[in-house]
């Protein structure tokens, strides 16, 4: 059984996984919120946003935008508690669904944090195309991932690359590989914003 399908059928394991991801990526959320100016957006849709820790951190740092937390029904029950700890529960709408089917439409920022690396070259464009269909014409797609350096330069993402291959059939990618994926889905990569953590924010616009 695929990993995420298993979690959908085992609520306690799904909660444990979500809590583990919050701790594992604890240094990334403030690093992302500080590195990128989210204040320019009216709304931010966190696609596959789990229990909302990253979205909550971003909204607590940037007072302007509202948020939409989007994930599968078994994932989001703990989200209100997490969002309340950030003091942003009144600024977030929680919606459920499957990003392989659709994503909430009409926002000017779509956030994918540690989503694309879970999936292969056939699956990723499906997720990205749904974001392309939903995003405003002047919107921004923001992908938070480890961006691998080309060649043999060491990087913590290269160990994660092997883990993703073995566990999920996904992979980490270089900037060039992300640009190719985005182009296939109707986006153009505009810049890569480093953060004070291992991840970067890849910014793309509708092509």
Protein backbone atom coordinates (compact mmCIF):
# COMPACT_ATOMS: atom_id res chain seq x y z
CA UNK A 1 0.00 0.00 0.00
CA UNK A 2 1.35 3.48 -0.82
CA UNK A 3 2.55 5.35 2.25
CA UNK A 4 0.03 8.20 2.17
CA UNK A 5 -2.85 5.82 1.51
CA UNK A 6 -1.79 3.90 4.61
CA UNK A 7 -1.87 7.08 6.70
CA UNK A 8 -5.37 7.84 5.41
CA UNK A 9 -6.54 4.56 6.93
CA UNK A 10 -4.62 4.80 10.22
CA UNK A 11 -5.53 7.99 12.07
CA UNK A 12 -3.10 7.58 14.99
CA UNK A 13 -0.16 7.02 12.65
CA UNK A 14 -1.23 10.00 10.55
CA UNK A 15 -1.23 12.23 13.64
CA UNK A 16 2.18 10.93 14.68
CA UNK A 17 3.54 11.57 11.19
CA UNK A 18 2.20 15.14 11.17
CA UNK A 19 3.70 15.85 14.59
CA UNK A 20 7.02 14.41 13.47
CA UNK A 21 7.11 16.61 10.39
CA UNK A 22 6.45 19.74 12.48
CA UNK A 23 9.44 18.90 14.69
CA UNK A 24 11.67 17.74 11.83
CA UNK A 25 11.10 20.98 9.89
CA UNK A 26 10.91 23.25 12.94
CA UNK A 27 13.82 25.47 11.88
CA UNK A 28 12.52 25.83 8.33
CA UNK A 29 9.21 27.56 9.04
CA UNK A 30 10.68 30.77 10.53
CA UNK A 31 13.49 30.69 7.98
CA UNK A 32 11.00 30.64 5.09
CA UNK A 33 8.77 33.28 6.70
CA UNK A 34 11.76 35.60 7.14
CA UNK A 35 13.38 35.00 3.74
CA UNK A 36 10.40 35.66 1.48
CA UNK A 37 8.06 38.67 1.53
CA UNK A 38 4.60 37.13 1.83
CA UNK A 39 3.09 40.49 2.77
CA UNK A 40 2.52 41.33 -0.92
CA UNK A 41 -0.22 38.69 -1.23
CA UNK A 42 -3.91 38.88 -0.43
CA UNK A 43 -4.15 35.16 0.27
CA UNK A 44 -1.83 32.18 0.50
CA UNK A 45 -3.04 28.64 -0.23
CA UNK A 46 -0.85 26.05 1.47
CA UNK A 47 -1.37 23.01 -0.75
CA UNK A 48 -0.78 19.83 1.21
CA UNK A 49 -0.09 22.04 4.21
CA UNK A 50 -0.57 19.36 6.86
CA UNK A 51 -1.61 20.76 10.22
CA UNK A 52 -0.70 24.32 9.26
CA UNK A 53 2.57 24.99 11.07
CA UNK A 54 4.30 26.64 8.11
CA UNK A 55 1.23 28.63 7.11
CA UNK A 56 0.70 29.72 10.70
CA UNK A 57 4.32 30.84 10.99
CA UNK A 58 4.08 32.82 7.75
CA UNK A 59 0.85 34.58 8.70
CA UNK A 60 2.16 35.41 12.17
CA UNK A 61 5.19 37.03 10.52
CA UNK A 62 3.22 38.84 7.77
CA UNK A 63 0.04 40.55 8.90
CA UNK A 64 -1.50 41.24 5.47
CA UNK A 65 -2.54 37.99 3.80
CA UNK A 66 -5.19 35.49 4.77
CA UNK A 67 -4.57 31.78 4.42
CA UNK A 68 -6.20 28.64 3.08
CA UNK A 69 -4.94 25.35 4.49
CA UNK A 70 -5.64 22.52 2.04
CA UNK A 71 -5.01 18.85 2.75
CA UNK A 72 -6.77 15.51 2.95
CA UNK A 73 -9.57 15.10 5.51
CA UNK A 74 -7.61 12.81 7.84
CA UNK A 75 -4.74 15.33 8.07
CA UNK A 76 -6.42 18.58 9.12
CA UNK A 77 -8.25 17.76 12.41
CA UNK A 78 -5.24 18.95 14.44
CA UNK A 79 -4.83 22.13 12.40
CA UNK A 80 -7.08 24.44 14.47
CA UNK A 81 -4.94 23.81 17.54
CA UNK A 82 -1.71 24.51 15.65
CA UNK A 83 -3.09 27.66 14.02
CA UNK A 84 -4.31 28.89 17.40
CA UNK A 85 -0.81 28.59 18.86
CA UNK A 86 0.33 31.01 16.13
CA UNK A 87 -2.60 33.34 16.83
CA UNK A 88 -3.86 33.20 13.24
CA UNK A 89 -6.87 30.86 13.46
CA UNK A 90 -9.25 33.67 12.48
CA UNK A 91 -7.28 34.34 9.28
CA UNK A 92 -7.24 30.77 7.94
CA UNK A 93 -9.88 28.75 6.13
CA UNK A 94 -9.40 24.99 6.21
CA UNK A 95 -10.44 23.08 3.10
CA UNK A 96 -10.11 19.38 2.40
CA UNK A 97 -9.44 17.55 -0.82
CA UNK A 98 -6.86 15.77 -2.95
CA UNK A 99 -4.33 17.85 -4.89
CA UNK A 100 -4.27 15.17 -7.56
CA UNK A 101 -7.89 16.14 -8.26
CA UNK A 102 -8.08 19.90 -7.60
CA UNK A 103 -6.88 22.76 -5.40
CA UNK A 104 -8.78 25.82 -4.08
CA UNK A 105 -9.03 28.45 -6.81
CA UNK A 106 -8.61 32.20 -6.95
CA UNK A 107 -5.64 33.04 -4.73
CA UNK A 108 -2.52 34.96 -5.69
CA UNK A 109 -0.04 32.69 -3.89
CA UNK A 110 0.15 28.90 -3.86
CA UNK A 111 2.61 27.24 -1.50
CA UNK A 112 3.97 23.71 -1.91
CA UNK A 113 6.28 22.80 0.97
CA UNK A 114 7.94 19.38 0.79
CA UNK A 115 5.25 18.18 -1.60
CA UNK A 116 6.96 17.94 -4.97
CA UNK A 117 9.83 15.82 -3.64
CA UNK A 118 7.34 13.09 -2.65
CA UNK A 119 6.37 12.31 -6.24
CA UNK A 120 7.84 11.22 -9.56
CA UNK A 121 8.12 12.98 -12.92
CA UNK A 122 4.66 11.85 -14.04
CA UNK A 123 2.85 12.76 -10.82
CA UNK A 124 4.40 16.18 -10.13
CA UNK A 125 3.04 17.89 -13.27
CA UNK A 126 -0.50 16.84 -12.27
CA UNK A 127 -0.20 18.72 -8.96
CA UNK A 128 1.46 21.70 -10.62
CA UNK A 129 -1.14 21.92 -13.40
CA UNK A 130 -3.93 22.06 -10.85
CA UNK A 131 -2.13 24.98 -9.22
CA UNK A 132 -1.77 26.57 -12.66
CA UNK A 133 -5.50 26.27 -13.28
CA UNK A 134 -6.34 27.75 -9.87
CA UNK A 135 -3.88 30.63 -9.59
CA UNK A 136 -4.64 34.26 -10.48
CA UNK A 137 -2.93 35.50 -13.69
CA UNK A 138 -0.50 37.64 -11.68
CA UNK A 139 -0.03 35.07 -8.90
CA UNK A 140 3.06 33.32 -7.61
CA UNK A 141 3.76 29.63 -7.06
CA UNK A 142 6.19 29.06 -4.19
CA UNK A 143 7.90 25.69 -3.81
CA UNK A 144 9.80 25.06 -0.58
CA UNK A 145 12.34 22.28 -1.04
CA UNK A 146 15.98 21.36 -0.83
CA UNK A 147 17.48 22.56 -4.12
CA UNK A 148 20.38 20.29 -4.95
CA UNK A 149 23.64 21.77 -6.22
CA UNK A 150 24.80 20.43 -9.55
CA UNK A 151 27.69 17.99 -9.64
CA UNK A 152 29.29 16.39 -6.61
CA UNK A 153 29.06 19.30 -4.14
CA UNK A 154 27.88 18.04 -0.73
CA UNK A 155 24.40 19.02 0.42
CA UNK A 156 22.05 17.58 3.08
CA UNK A 157 19.38 17.24 0.41
CA UNK A 158 21.38 14.50 -1.28
CA UNK A 159 20.84 12.17 1.67
CA UNK A 160 17.17 13.09 1.64
CA UNK A 161 17.15 12.36 -2.09
CA UNK A 162 18.02 8.72 -1.40
CA UNK A 163 15.43 8.51 1.37
CA UNK A 164 12.69 9.85 -0.90
CA UNK A 165 13.63 7.36 -3.61
CA UNK A 166 13.46 4.39 -1.26
CA UNK A 167 10.43 5.40 0.81
CA UNK A 168 8.13 7.11 -1.70
CA UNK A 169 9.61 6.88 -5.18
CA UNK A 170 10.18 10.64 -5.20
CA UNK A 171 13.36 12.68 -5.39
CA UNK A 172 15.07 15.96 -4.60
CA UNK A 173 15.96 18.09 -7.62
CA UNK A 174 18.34 20.71 -8.93
CA UNK A 175 17.23 24.19 -10.00
CA UNK A 176 17.34 23.08 -13.63
CA UNK A 177 15.20 20.04 -12.94
CA UNK A 178 12.61 22.20 -11.16
CA UNK A 179 12.59 24.63 -14.07
CA UNK A 180 11.81 21.76 -16.46
CA UNK A 181 8.99 20.46 -14.24
CA UNK A 182 7.47 23.91 -13.93
CA UNK A 183 7.66 24.53 -17.67
CA UNK A 184 5.75 21.31 -18.32
CA UNK A 185 2.95 22.60 -16.08
CA UNK A 186 2.69 26.10 -17.53
CA UNK A 187 4.91 27.97 -15.08
CA UNK A 188 8.19 29.87 -15.48
CA UNK A 189 10.80 29.74 -12.72
CA UNK A 190 11.74 33.32 -11.84
CA UNK A 191 14.15 32.98 -8.93
CA UNK A 192 15.39 30.79 -6.11
CA UNK A 193 15.40 32.47 -2.70
CA UNK A 194 17.78 30.92 -0.13
CA UNK A 195 16.77 30.76 3.52
CA UNK A 196 18.66 30.39 6.79
CA UNK A 197 17.86 26.65 6.66
CA UNK A 198 18.61 23.87 4.17
CA UNK A 199 15.58 24.69 2.03
CA UNK A 200 15.05 27.40 -0.57
CA UNK A 201 11.92 29.04 -1.95
CA UNK A 202 11.51 28.53 -5.68
CA UNK A 203 9.31 31.27 -7.10
CA UNK A 204 7.43 30.72 -10.35
CA UNK A 205 4.83 32.67 -12.34
CA UNK A 206 2.21 31.56 -14.87
CA UNK A 207 3.87 31.32 -18.28
